[in-house]
Amino acid sequence: MGLNPDDPYTDQPATASKNEIVDLLDRHPGKPGATRARLALRHIYDHSASPMETASAIALSLPTSEGGVDIRGVELNKPLEIPKRLWHCAKARTLKIDALVTYKRRELGIEYKGGFHDEAERKGADAEREAVLAQMGYRIVTLTSTQFASQLAFHRAMNNIREALGMPRCVDAEYQRKQNELRKALIRNWRSAQDEDAPSK
């Protein structure tokens, strides 16, 4: 990971799926790093459209013992069919949410927005898509590069996701320290990241 979320990236087809990697590990169980790879794959998801979507999914799915939110149900860019009654509101017949998360039967959409979302045309497309998703009953929470770049902003963003899903709060200092270490690991090569030292409760 460790990429600047505002730098342009080039879409590339996936070279392997998660299941294909698992099958490879099954065929070579004794290889160095196989056990570690299996543990990592528990928090990796197919269909990511950008490095920061992957980073967001990792932050959401890792257990609280590692600074994550501990959401087990995460799906990236799942196509959602638009009901016919809303066809006149969108130019497509399906929409995707960057990450659709589920916790105790509650669903929440997580959208990551880097710098390219500030372009006027992209803003219009995002506004249209989110309006239709709202009509379909999906609540959307947005994550941004600014939130990933700041300990306190990242902490508040994760708190908002917890609240939206009805999850219990994690306020102890040790959790916040681990959360910040996770944030730093996900953005470790950002040159512009501004860190804040004091944890928030």
N, C-alpha and C. Protein backbone atom coordinates (compact mmCIF):
# COMPACT_ATOMS: atom_id res chain seq x y z
N MET A 1 0.86 -1.18 0.00
CA MET A 1 0.00 0.00 0.00
C MET A 1 0.89 1.23 0.00
N GLY A 2 0.63 2.16 0.94
CA GLY A 2 1.51 3.31 1.09
C GLY A 2 1.52 4.24 -0.10
N LEU A 3 0.45 4.36 -0.86
CA LEU A 3 0.42 5.22 -2.01
C LEU A 3 -0.29 6.52 -1.67
N ASN A 4 0.13 7.60 -2.34
CA ASN A 4 -0.58 8.86 -2.17
C ASN A 4 -1.96 8.71 -2.80
N PRO A 5 -3.03 8.93 -2.05
CA PRO A 5 -4.37 8.68 -2.57
C PRO A 5 -4.80 9.67 -3.63
N ASP A 6 -4.10 10.79 -3.77
CA ASP A 6 -4.49 11.79 -4.76
C ASP A 6 -3.71 11.65 -6.05
N ASP A 7 -2.70 10.77 -6.09
CA ASP A 7 -1.97 10.55 -7.32
C ASP A 7 -2.82 9.72 -8.27
N PRO A 8 -2.74 10.02 -9.58
CA PRO A 8 -3.50 9.20 -10.52
C PRO A 8 -2.95 7.79 -10.56
N TYR A 9 -3.82 6.83 -10.83
CA TYR A 9 -3.39 5.44 -10.97
C TYR A 9 -4.02 4.88 -12.23
N THR A 10 -3.47 3.80 -12.71
CA THR A 10 -3.95 3.19 -13.94
C THR A 10 -4.70 1.91 -13.61
N ASP A 11 -5.92 1.78 -14.11
CA ASP A 11 -6.69 0.55 -13.90
C ASP A 11 -5.99 -0.60 -14.58
N GLN A 12 -5.85 -1.68 -13.86
CA GLN A 12 -5.23 -2.90 -14.39
C GLN A 12 -6.13 -4.08 -14.04
N PRO A 13 -6.24 -5.05 -14.96
CA PRO A 13 -7.03 -6.24 -14.61
C PRO A 13 -6.34 -7.02 -13.49
N ALA A 14 -7.14 -7.63 -12.64
CA ALA A 14 -6.58 -8.43 -11.54
C ALA A 14 -5.81 -9.61 -12.11
N THR A 15 -4.62 -9.86 -11.57
CA THR A 15 -3.82 -11.00 -12.03
C THR A 15 -4.23 -12.29 -11.33
N ALA A 16 -4.89 -12.18 -10.20
CA ALA A 16 -5.36 -13.36 -9.48
C ALA A 16 -6.47 -12.95 -8.52
N SER A 17 -7.38 -13.86 -8.26
CA SER A 17 -8.44 -13.62 -7.29
C SER A 17 -7.98 -14.13 -5.93
N LYS A 18 -8.71 -13.76 -4.91
CA LYS A 18 -8.40 -14.25 -3.56
C LYS A 18 -8.48 -15.77 -3.51
N ASN A 19 -9.50 -16.36 -4.15
CA ASN A 19 -9.64 -17.81 -4.14
C ASN A 19 -8.49 -18.50 -4.85
N GLU A 20 -7.99 -17.89 -5.92
CA GLU A 20 -6.86 -18.48 -6.64
C GLU A 20 -5.60 -18.48 -5.77
N ILE A 21 -5.43 -17.42 -4.98
CA ILE A 21 -4.27 -17.37 -4.09
C ILE A 21 -4.41 -18.42 -2.99
N VAL A 22 -5.63 -18.58 -2.46
CA VAL A 22 -5.87 -19.61 -1.45
C VAL A 22 -5.57 -20.99 -2.02
N ASP A 23 -6.01 -21.24 -3.26
CA ASP A 23 -5.75 -22.53 -3.90
C ASP A 23 -4.24 -22.77 -4.04
N LEU A 24 -3.51 -21.72 -4.38
CA LEU A 24 -2.05 -21.84 -4.50
C LEU A 24 -1.42 -22.19 -3.16
N LEU A 25 -1.89 -21.54 -2.10
CA LEU A 25 -1.36 -21.85 -0.77
C LEU A 25 -1.70 -23.27 -0.35
N ASP A 26 -2.88 -23.74 -0.75
CA ASP A 26 -3.27 -25.12 -0.44
C ASP A 26 -2.33 -26.12 -1.09
N ARG A 27 -1.85 -25.77 -2.27
CA ARG A 27 -0.95 -26.68 -2.99
C ARG A 27 0.48 -26.64 -2.46
N HIS A 28 0.80 -25.58 -1.71
CA HIS A 28 2.16 -25.43 -1.18
C HIS A 28 2.11 -25.03 0.30
N PRO A 29 1.54 -25.88 1.14
CA PRO A 29 1.30 -25.52 2.55
C PRO A 29 2.58 -25.30 3.35
N GLY A 30 3.67 -25.90 2.96
CA GLY A 30 4.90 -25.78 3.75
C GLY A 30 5.82 -24.66 3.33
N LYS A 31 5.44 -23.89 2.33
CA LYS A 31 6.30 -22.82 1.85
C LYS A 31 6.43 -21.72 2.90
N PRO A 32 7.62 -21.11 3.00
CA PRO A 32 7.80 -20.00 3.95
C PRO A 32 6.79 -18.88 3.68
N GLY A 33 6.15 -18.39 4.71
CA GLY A 33 5.20 -17.29 4.59
C GLY A 33 3.78 -17.71 4.28
N ALA A 34 3.54 -19.03 4.08
CA ALA A 34 2.20 -19.48 3.71
C ALA A 34 1.18 -19.19 4.81
N THR A 35 1.55 -19.45 6.05
CA THR A 35 0.63 -19.21 7.17
C THR A 35 0.34 -17.73 7.31
N ARG A 36 1.38 -16.92 7.20
CA ARG A 36 1.20 -15.46 7.30
C ARG A 36 0.32 -14.95 6.16
N ALA A 37 0.51 -15.50 4.96
CA ALA A 37 -0.32 -15.08 3.82
C ALA A 37 -1.78 -15.42 4.05
N ARG A 38 -2.04 -16.59 4.63
CA ARG A 38 -3.43 -16.97 4.92
C ARG A 38 -4.08 -15.99 5.89
N LEU A 39 -3.34 -15.59 6.90
CA LEU A 39 -3.89 -14.63 7.87
C LEU A 39 -4.18 -13.30 7.20
N ALA A 40 -3.28 -12.86 6.32
CA ALA A 40 -3.49 -11.59 5.61
C ALA A 40 -4.70 -11.65 4.69
N LEU A 41 -4.91 -12.79 4.06
CA LEU A 41 -6.00 -12.94 3.10
C LEU A 41 -7.37 -12.83 3.75
N ARG A 42 -7.45 -13.00 5.06
CA ARG A 42 -8.72 -12.83 5.76
C ARG A 42 -9.23 -11.40 5.66
N HIS A 43 -8.35 -10.47 5.33
CA HIS A 43 -8.72 -9.06 5.29
C HIS A 43 -8.45 -8.44 3.93
N ILE A 44 -8.40 -9.29 2.91
CA ILE A 44 -8.23 -8.83 1.54
C ILE A 44 -9.49 -9.19 0.76
N TYR A 45 -9.93 -8.29 -0.12
CA TYR A 45 -11.19 -8.49 -0.82
C TYR A 45 -11.00 -8.28 -2.32
N ASP A 46 -11.69 -9.10 -3.09
CA ASP A 46 -11.68 -8.93 -4.54
C ASP A 46 -12.45 -7.68 -4.94
N HIS A 47 -12.21 -7.23 -6.18
CA HIS A 47 -12.96 -6.17 -6.84
C HIS A 47 -12.63 -4.76 -6.36
N SER A 48 -11.49 -4.57 -5.71
CA SER A 48 -11.09 -3.21 -5.37
C SER A 48 -10.78 -2.44 -6.65
N ALA A 49 -11.18 -1.17 -6.69
CA ALA A 49 -10.94 -0.33 -7.86
C ALA A 49 -9.79 0.63 -7.67
N SER A 50 -9.19 0.67 -6.47
CA SER A 50 -8.07 1.57 -6.24
C SER A 50 -7.31 1.12 -5.00
N PRO A 51 -6.05 1.55 -4.88
CA PRO A 51 -5.29 1.21 -3.67
C PRO A 51 -5.95 1.68 -2.38
N MET A 52 -6.58 2.85 -2.42
CA MET A 52 -7.17 3.38 -1.19
C MET A 52 -8.51 2.70 -0.85
N GLU A 53 -9.18 2.13 -1.83
CA GLU A 53 -10.34 1.30 -1.51
C GLU A 53 -9.87 0.07 -0.73
N THR A 54 -8.74 -0.49 -1.15
CA THR A 54 -8.16 -1.61 -0.43
C THR A 54 -7.78 -1.20 0.98
N ALA A 55 -7.14 -0.03 1.12
CA ALA A 55 -6.76 0.46 2.45
C ALA A 55 -7.97 0.65 3.34
N SER A 56 -9.05 1.19 2.78
CA SER A 56 -10.28 1.40 3.55
C SER A 56 -10.85 0.07 4.03
N ALA A 57 -10.86 -0.94 3.13
CA ALA A 57 -11.39 -2.24 3.49
C ALA A 57 -10.57 -2.88 4.61
N ILE A 58 -9.25 -2.73 4.54
CA ILE A 58 -8.39 -3.27 5.58
C ILE A 58 -8.68 -2.60 6.92
N ALA A 59 -8.81 -1.27 6.91
CA ALA A 59 -9.08 -0.54 8.14
C ALA A 59 -10.42 -0.95 8.74
N LEU A 60 -11.38 -1.26 7.89
CA LEU A 60 -12.71 -1.65 8.37
C LEU A 60 -12.74 -3.08 8.90
N SER A 61 -11.99 -3.98 8.29
CA SER A 61 -12.14 -5.39 8.60
C SER A 61 -11.17 -5.91 9.65
N LEU A 62 -10.02 -5.28 9.84
CA LEU A 62 -9.09 -5.78 10.84
C LEU A 62 -9.72 -5.74 12.23
N PRO A 63 -9.35 -6.67 13.10
CA PRO A 63 -9.92 -6.68 14.47
C PRO A 63 -9.45 -5.47 15.27
N THR A 64 -10.18 -5.16 16.32
CA THR A 64 -9.81 -4.01 17.15
C THR A 64 -8.44 -4.20 17.79
N SER A 65 -8.02 -5.45 17.98
CA SER A 65 -6.70 -5.70 18.56
C SER A 65 -5.57 -5.21 17.65
N GLU A 66 -5.90 -4.96 16.38
CA GLU A 66 -4.92 -4.44 15.43
C GLU A 66 -5.28 -3.04 14.96
N GLY A 67 -6.23 -2.40 15.64
CA GLY A 67 -6.59 -1.03 15.31
C GLY A 67 -7.72 -0.88 14.31
N GLY A 68 -8.34 -1.99 13.88
CA GLY A 68 -9.41 -1.92 12.90
C GLY A 68 -10.77 -1.76 13.54
N VAL A 69 -11.81 -1.78 12.71
CA VAL A 69 -13.19 -1.63 13.18
C VAL A 69 -13.83 -2.99 13.45
N ASP A 70 -13.25 -4.06 12.91
CA ASP A 70 -13.72 -5.43 13.15
C ASP A 70 -15.08 -5.69 12.51
N ILE A 71 -15.24 -5.25 11.25
CA ILE A 71 -16.45 -5.54 10.48
C ILE A 71 -16.15 -6.75 9.60
N ARG A 72 -16.90 -7.83 9.78
CA ARG A 72 -16.63 -9.06 9.03
C ARG A 72 -17.25 -9.02 7.63
N GLY A 73 -18.41 -8.36 7.51
CA GLY A 73 -19.09 -8.34 6.22
C GLY A 73 -18.68 -7.15 5.38
N VAL A 74 -17.73 -7.33 4.46
CA VAL A 74 -17.26 -6.26 3.58
C VAL A 74 -17.30 -6.76 2.15
N GLU A 75 -17.96 -6.02 1.26
CA GLU A 75 -17.98 -6.33 -0.17
C GLU A 75 -17.57 -5.09 -0.93
N LEU A 76 -16.63 -5.23 -1.86
CA LEU A 76 -16.14 -4.09 -2.63
C LEU A 76 -16.79 -4.05 -4.01
N ASN A 77 -17.30 -2.89 -4.35
CA ASN A 77 -17.84 -2.62 -5.69
C ASN A 77 -18.84 -3.68 -6.16
N LYS A 78 -19.75 -4.02 -5.29
CA LYS A 78 -20.81 -4.97 -5.63
C LYS A 78 -21.85 -4.27 -6.50
N PRO A 79 -22.16 -4.80 -7.69
CA PRO A 79 -23.18 -4.16 -8.53
C PRO A 79 -24.56 -4.24 -7.88
N LEU A 80 -25.25 -3.12 -7.84
CA LEU A 80 -26.60 -3.06 -7.26
C LEU A 80 -27.56 -2.62 -8.35
N GLU A 81 -28.58 -3.41 -8.59
CA GLU A 81 -29.56 -3.08 -9.63
C GLU A 81 -30.45 -1.93 -9.17
N ILE A 82 -30.61 -0.96 -10.04
CA ILE A 82 -31.46 0.18 -9.74
C ILE A 82 -32.91 -0.21 -10.02
N PRO A 83 -33.82 -0.01 -9.07
CA PRO A 83 -35.23 -0.34 -9.32
C PRO A 83 -35.77 0.45 -10.51
N LYS A 84 -36.67 -0.15 -11.24
CA LYS A 84 -37.21 0.49 -12.44
C LYS A 84 -37.82 1.84 -12.14
N ARG A 85 -38.37 1.98 -10.94
CA ARG A 85 -39.00 3.26 -10.58
C ARG A 85 -38.00 4.41 -10.52
N LEU A 86 -36.69 4.08 -10.46
CA LEU A 86 -35.65 5.11 -10.37
C LEU A 86 -34.80 5.21 -11.63
N TRP A 87 -35.18 4.51 -12.68
CA TRP A 87 -34.39 4.54 -13.90
C TRP A 87 -34.26 5.96 -14.46
N HIS A 88 -35.29 6.77 -14.25
CA HIS A 88 -35.26 8.14 -14.79
C HIS A 88 -34.30 9.04 -14.01
N CYS A 89 -33.75 8.53 -12.90
CA CYS A 89 -32.86 9.35 -12.05
C CYS A 89 -31.38 9.09 -12.32
N ALA A 90 -31.08 8.08 -13.13
CA ALA A 90 -29.67 7.73 -13.36
C ALA A 90 -29.48 7.28 -14.79
N LYS A 91 -28.24 7.43 -15.28
CA LYS A 91 -27.97 7.03 -16.67
C LYS A 91 -27.65 5.55 -16.79
N ALA A 92 -27.39 4.87 -15.68
CA ALA A 92 -27.07 3.45 -15.70
C ALA A 92 -28.22 2.65 -15.11
N ARG A 93 -28.14 1.33 -15.22
CA ARG A 93 -29.14 0.45 -14.63
C ARG A 93 -28.61 -0.24 -13.37
N THR A 94 -27.30 -0.09 -13.13
CA THR A 94 -26.69 -0.60 -11.89
C THR A 94 -25.75 0.45 -11.33
N LEU A 95 -25.54 0.39 -10.04
CA LEU A 95 -24.60 1.27 -9.36
C LEU A 95 -23.70 0.43 -8.46
N LYS A 96 -22.55 0.96 -8.14
CA LYS A 96 -21.64 0.28 -7.22
C LYS A 96 -21.31 1.19 -6.05
N ILE A 97 -21.11 0.57 -4.90
CA ILE A 97 -20.63 1.27 -3.71
C ILE A 97 -19.20 0.77 -3.47
N ASP A 98 -18.28 1.69 -3.18
CA ASP A 98 -16.89 1.27 -2.98
C ASP A 98 -16.81 0.11 -2.00
N ALA A 99 -17.42 0.26 -0.84
CA ALA A 99 -17.46 -0.83 0.14
C ALA A 99 -18.86 -0.87 0.76
N LEU A 100 -19.49 -2.01 0.65
CA LEU A 100 -20.79 -2.23 1.30
C LEU A 100 -20.52 -3.11 2.52
N VAL A 101 -20.77 -2.55 3.71
CA VAL A 101 -20.45 -3.28 4.94
C VAL A 101 -21.74 -3.65 5.67
N THR A 102 -21.70 -4.78 6.34
CA THR A 102 -22.86 -5.29 7.07
C THR A 102 -22.45 -5.64 8.49
N TYR A 103 -23.25 -5.18 9.44
CA TYR A 103 -23.03 -5.50 10.85
C TYR A 103 -24.39 -5.71 11.51
N LYS A 104 -24.63 -6.94 11.97
CA LYS A 104 -25.90 -7.27 12.63
C LYS A 104 -27.10 -6.79 11.82
N ARG A 105 -27.11 -7.14 10.55
CA ARG A 105 -28.20 -6.86 9.61
C ARG A 105 -28.31 -5.40 9.22
N ARG A 106 -27.42 -4.55 9.70
CA ARG A 106 -27.40 -3.16 9.23
C ARG A 106 -26.40 -3.05 8.09
N GLU A 107 -26.80 -2.34 7.04
CA GLU A 107 -25.91 -2.12 5.90
C GLU A 107 -25.51 -0.65 5.83
N LEU A 108 -24.27 -0.43 5.42
CA LEU A 108 -23.75 0.93 5.29
C LEU A 108 -22.82 0.96 4.10
N GLY A 109 -22.95 2.00 3.28
CA GLY A 109 -22.05 2.18 2.15
C GLY A 109 -20.90 3.10 2.54
N ILE A 110 -19.68 2.68 2.18
CA ILE A 110 -18.49 3.49 2.43
C ILE A 110 -17.91 3.91 1.09
N GLU A 111 -17.79 5.19 0.87
CA GLU A 111 -17.21 5.72 -0.37
C GLU A 111 -15.89 6.40 -0.07
N TYR A 112 -14.84 6.03 -0.81
CA TYR A 112 -13.57 6.73 -0.68
C TYR A 112 -13.46 7.76 -1.79
N LYS A 113 -13.09 8.99 -1.41
CA LYS A 113 -12.95 10.05 -2.40
C LYS A 113 -11.58 10.69 -2.28
N GLY A 114 -10.77 10.45 -3.31
CA GLY A 114 -9.46 11.10 -3.40
C GLY A 114 -9.59 12.42 -4.13
N GLY A 115 -8.46 13.00 -4.51
CA GLY A 115 -8.46 14.31 -5.14
C GLY A 115 -9.20 14.38 -6.46
N PHE A 116 -9.18 13.27 -7.26
CA PHE A 116 -9.82 13.33 -8.57
C PHE A 116 -11.32 13.50 -8.46
N HIS A 117 -11.90 13.22 -7.30
CA HIS A 117 -13.34 13.42 -7.12
C HIS A 117 -13.70 14.89 -7.06
N ASP A 118 -12.69 15.78 -6.95
CA ASP A 118 -12.97 17.20 -6.91
C ASP A 118 -13.26 17.78 -8.29
N GLU A 119 -12.96 17.03 -9.35
CA GLU A 119 -13.24 17.52 -10.68
C GLU A 119 -14.74 17.71 -10.85
N ALA A 120 -15.12 18.77 -11.56
CA ALA A 120 -16.54 19.15 -11.66
C ALA A 120 -17.39 18.02 -12.21
N GLU A 121 -16.93 17.36 -13.28
CA GLU A 121 -17.73 16.29 -13.88
C GLU A 121 -17.89 15.12 -12.92
N ARG A 122 -16.80 14.80 -12.20
CA ARG A 122 -16.86 13.69 -11.26
C ARG A 122 -17.79 14.02 -10.09
N LYS A 123 -17.76 15.29 -9.64
CA LYS A 123 -18.65 15.69 -8.55
C LYS A 123 -20.11 15.47 -8.95
N GLY A 124 -20.43 15.82 -10.20
CA GLY A 124 -21.80 15.65 -10.66
C GLY A 124 -22.21 14.19 -10.70
N ALA A 125 -21.32 13.33 -11.20
CA ALA A 125 -21.61 11.90 -11.27
C ALA A 125 -21.76 11.31 -9.87
N ASP A 126 -20.89 11.73 -8.94
CA ASP A 126 -20.97 11.24 -7.57
C ASP A 126 -22.28 11.66 -6.91
N ALA A 127 -22.67 12.93 -7.13
CA ALA A 127 -23.90 13.44 -6.52
C ALA A 127 -25.11 12.67 -7.04
N GLU A 128 -25.14 12.41 -8.35
CA GLU A 128 -26.25 11.66 -8.93
C GLU A 128 -26.31 10.24 -8.36
N ARG A 129 -25.15 9.59 -8.32
CA ARG A 129 -25.10 8.21 -7.83
C ARG A 129 -25.53 8.11 -6.37
N GLU A 130 -25.04 9.03 -5.54
CA GLU A 130 -25.36 8.97 -4.11
C GLU A 130 -26.82 9.32 -3.85
N ALA A 131 -27.39 10.18 -4.68
CA ALA A 131 -28.81 10.50 -4.54
C ALA A 131 -29.66 9.27 -4.85
N VAL A 132 -29.30 8.54 -5.89
CA VAL A 132 -30.06 7.33 -6.25
C VAL A 132 -29.88 6.26 -5.17
N LEU A 133 -28.66 6.10 -4.68
CA LEU A 133 -28.43 5.13 -3.61
C LEU A 133 -29.26 5.46 -2.37
N ALA A 134 -29.38 6.76 -2.07
CA ALA A 134 -30.20 7.16 -0.93
C ALA A 134 -31.67 6.80 -1.19
N GLN A 135 -32.14 7.00 -2.43
CA GLN A 135 -33.52 6.62 -2.77
C GLN A 135 -33.72 5.11 -2.64
N MET A 136 -32.64 4.36 -2.82
CA MET A 136 -32.70 2.90 -2.71
C MET A 136 -32.57 2.44 -1.26
N GLY A 137 -32.34 3.39 -0.36
CA GLY A 137 -32.29 3.06 1.06
C GLY A 137 -30.91 2.84 1.63
N TYR A 138 -29.87 3.19 0.88
CA TYR A 138 -28.51 2.99 1.36
C TYR A 138 -27.98 4.28 2.00
N ARG A 139 -27.52 4.16 3.22
CA ARG A 139 -26.84 5.27 3.86
C ARG A 139 -25.37 5.22 3.47
N ILE A 140 -24.81 6.38 3.13
CA ILE A 140 -23.43 6.44 2.65
C ILE A 140 -22.59 7.29 3.60
N VAL A 141 -21.41 6.77 3.97
CA VAL A 141 -20.41 7.54 4.72
C VAL A 141 -19.19 7.69 3.82
N THR A 142 -18.66 8.90 3.75
CA THR A 142 -17.53 9.18 2.87
C THR A 142 -16.22 9.22 3.66
N LEU A 143 -15.19 8.57 3.12
CA LEU A 143 -13.84 8.69 3.63
C LEU A 143 -13.01 9.47 2.61
N THR A 144 -12.08 10.31 3.12
CA THR A 144 -11.27 11.13 2.23
C THR A 144 -9.79 10.99 2.57
N SER A 145 -8.97 11.46 1.65
CA SER A 145 -7.52 11.43 1.88
C SER A 145 -7.15 12.29 3.08
N THR A 146 -7.88 13.39 3.31
CA THR A 146 -7.60 14.26 4.46
C THR A 146 -7.81 13.50 5.76
N GLN A 147 -8.82 12.66 5.83
CA GLN A 147 -9.06 11.88 7.04
C GLN A 147 -7.97 10.84 7.27
N PHE A 148 -7.49 10.22 6.19
CA PHE A 148 -6.41 9.25 6.34
C PHE A 148 -5.11 9.93 6.75
N ALA A 149 -4.95 11.21 6.43
CA ALA A 149 -3.70 11.92 6.70
C ALA A 149 -3.60 12.44 8.13
N SER A 150 -4.66 12.33 8.92
CA SER A 150 -4.67 12.89 10.27
C SER A 150 -5.17 11.87 11.27
N GLN A 151 -4.45 11.70 12.37
CA GLN A 151 -4.87 10.74 13.39
C GLN A 151 -6.27 11.04 13.91
N LEU A 152 -6.49 12.28 14.29
CA LEU A 152 -7.78 12.63 14.90
C LEU A 152 -8.93 12.54 13.89
N ALA A 153 -8.68 13.00 12.66
CA ALA A 153 -9.73 12.93 11.64
C ALA A 153 -10.05 11.47 11.30
N PHE A 154 -9.03 10.63 11.23
CA PHE A 154 -9.24 9.21 10.96
C PHE A 154 -10.02 8.56 12.10
N HIS A 155 -9.66 8.90 13.33
CA HIS A 155 -10.35 8.36 14.50
C HIS A 155 -11.83 8.75 14.48
N ARG A 156 -12.10 10.01 14.18
CA ARG A 156 -13.50 10.47 14.12
C ARG A 156 -14.26 9.77 12.99
N ALA A 157 -13.59 9.59 11.84
CA ALA A 157 -14.24 8.93 10.70
C ALA A 157 -14.63 7.50 11.06
N MET A 158 -13.73 6.78 11.72
CA MET A 158 -14.04 5.41 12.13
C MET A 158 -15.15 5.40 13.19
N ASN A 159 -15.15 6.42 14.08
CA ASN A 159 -16.23 6.54 15.07
C ASN A 159 -17.58 6.73 14.38
N ASN A 160 -17.61 7.54 13.32
CA ASN A 160 -18.85 7.77 12.58
C ASN A 160 -19.38 6.47 11.97
N ILE A 161 -18.48 5.66 11.45
CA ILE A 161 -18.89 4.38 10.87
C ILE A 161 -19.44 3.48 11.96
N ARG A 162 -18.78 3.44 13.12
CA ARG A 162 -19.27 2.64 14.24
C ARG A 162 -20.67 3.08 14.66
N GLU A 163 -20.85 4.38 14.80
CA GLU A 163 -22.15 4.90 15.23
C GLU A 163 -23.24 4.55 14.21
N ALA A 164 -22.92 4.69 12.93
CA ALA A 164 -23.91 4.42 11.89
C ALA A 164 -24.35 2.96 11.90
N LEU A 165 -23.46 2.06 12.33
CA LEU A 165 -23.77 0.64 12.36
C LEU A 165 -24.25 0.16 13.74
N GLY A 166 -24.30 1.07 14.71
CA GLY A 166 -24.71 0.69 16.06
C GLY A 166 -23.68 -0.15 16.79
N MET A 167 -22.41 0.05 16.46
CA MET A 167 -21.33 -0.72 17.09
C MET A 167 -20.89 -0.03 18.37
N PRO A 168 -20.36 -0.79 19.32
CA PRO A 168 -19.86 -0.17 20.56
C PRO A 168 -18.64 0.68 20.29
N ARG A 169 -18.45 1.70 21.11
CA ARG A 169 -17.30 2.61 20.96
C ARG A 169 -16.04 1.96 21.51
N CYS A 170 -14.91 2.32 20.94
CA CYS A 170 -13.59 1.94 21.45
C CYS A 170 -12.86 3.23 21.80
N VAL A 171 -12.73 3.53 23.08
CA VAL A 171 -12.18 4.83 23.48
C VAL A 171 -10.87 4.73 24.26
N ASP A 172 -10.42 3.51 24.57
CA ASP A 172 -9.22 3.42 25.39
C ASP A 172 -7.99 3.85 24.58
N ALA A 173 -7.00 4.36 25.28
CA ALA A 173 -5.81 4.92 24.65
C ALA A 173 -5.02 3.87 23.88
N GLU A 174 -4.98 2.63 24.36
CA GLU A 174 -4.23 1.58 23.67
C GLU A 174 -4.85 1.27 22.31
N TYR A 175 -6.18 1.24 22.23
CA TYR A 175 -6.83 1.03 20.93
C TYR A 175 -6.50 2.17 19.97
N GLN A 176 -6.55 3.39 20.47
CA GLN A 176 -6.27 4.53 19.61
C GLN A 176 -4.83 4.52 19.12
N ARG A 177 -3.92 4.04 19.97
CA ARG A 177 -2.52 3.93 19.54
C ARG A 177 -2.40 2.92 18.40
N LYS A 178 -3.06 1.77 18.56
CA LYS A 178 -3.01 0.75 17.51
C LYS A 178 -3.71 1.23 16.24
N GLN A 179 -4.80 1.96 16.40
CA GLN A 179 -5.51 2.51 15.25
C GLN A 179 -4.60 3.46 14.47
N ASN A 180 -3.84 4.28 15.20
CA ASN A 180 -2.95 5.21 14.53
C ASN A 180 -1.79 4.50 13.86
N GLU A 181 -1.28 3.42 14.47
CA GLU A 181 -0.23 2.64 13.83
C GLU A 181 -0.74 2.01 12.54
N LEU A 182 -1.99 1.55 12.56
CA LEU A 182 -2.58 1.00 11.35
C LEU A 182 -2.71 2.08 10.28
N ARG A 183 -3.19 3.25 10.67
CA ARG A 183 -3.33 4.37 9.72
C ARG A 183 -1.99 4.69 9.09
N LYS A 184 -0.93 4.76 9.91
CA LYS A 184 0.40 5.07 9.38
C LYS A 184 0.89 3.99 8.42
N ALA A 185 0.59 2.73 8.75
CA ALA A 185 1.01 1.63 7.86
C ALA A 185 0.32 1.73 6.51
N LEU A 186 -0.95 2.14 6.51
CA LEU A 186 -1.70 2.22 5.27
C LEU A 186 -1.26 3.38 4.39
N ILE A 187 -0.66 4.42 4.99
CA ILE A 187 -0.26 5.60 4.21
C ILE A 187 1.23 5.87 4.35
N ARG A 188 2.04 4.85 4.62
CA ARG A 188 3.41 5.04 5.06
C ARG A 188 4.29 5.82 4.09
N ASN A 189 3.94 5.91 2.83
CA ASN A 189 4.78 6.63 1.88
C ASN A 189 4.24 8.00 1.48
N TRP A 190 3.17 8.44 2.15
CA TRP A 190 2.67 9.78 1.83
C TRP A 190 3.69 10.81 2.26
N ARG A 191 4.01 11.72 1.39
CA ARG A 191 4.91 12.81 1.77
C ARG A 191 4.16 13.93 2.47
N SER A 192 2.87 14.04 2.17
CA SER A 192 2.10 15.18 2.68
C SER A 192 1.34 14.86 3.95
N ALA A 193 1.45 13.64 4.47
CA ALA A 193 0.66 13.28 5.65
C ALA A 193 1.07 14.11 6.86
N GLN A 194 0.10 14.72 7.49
CA GLN A 194 0.35 15.52 8.68
C GLN A 194 -0.19 14.76 9.88
N ASP A 195 0.67 14.41 10.81
CA ASP A 195 0.27 13.61 11.96
C ASP A 195 -0.11 14.51 13.12
N GLU A 196 -1.08 14.05 13.92
CA GLU A 196 -1.46 14.73 15.13
C GLU A 196 -1.23 13.77 16.28
N ASP A 197 -0.66 14.25 17.36
CA ASP A 197 -0.20 13.35 18.41
C ASP A 197 -1.24 12.99 19.45
N ALA A 198 -2.13 13.89 19.77
CA ALA A 198 -3.04 13.66 20.90
C ALA A 198 -4.22 12.81 20.48
N PRO A 199 -4.48 11.69 21.18
CA PRO A 199 -5.67 10.89 20.86
C PRO A 199 -6.94 11.60 21.29
N SER A 200 -8.04 11.25 20.64
CA SER A 200 -9.33 11.85 20.95
C SER A 200 -10.25 10.81 21.57
N LYS A 201 -11.14 11.24 22.47
CA LYS A 201 -12.07 10.29 23.10
C LYS A 201 -13.51 10.64 22.76
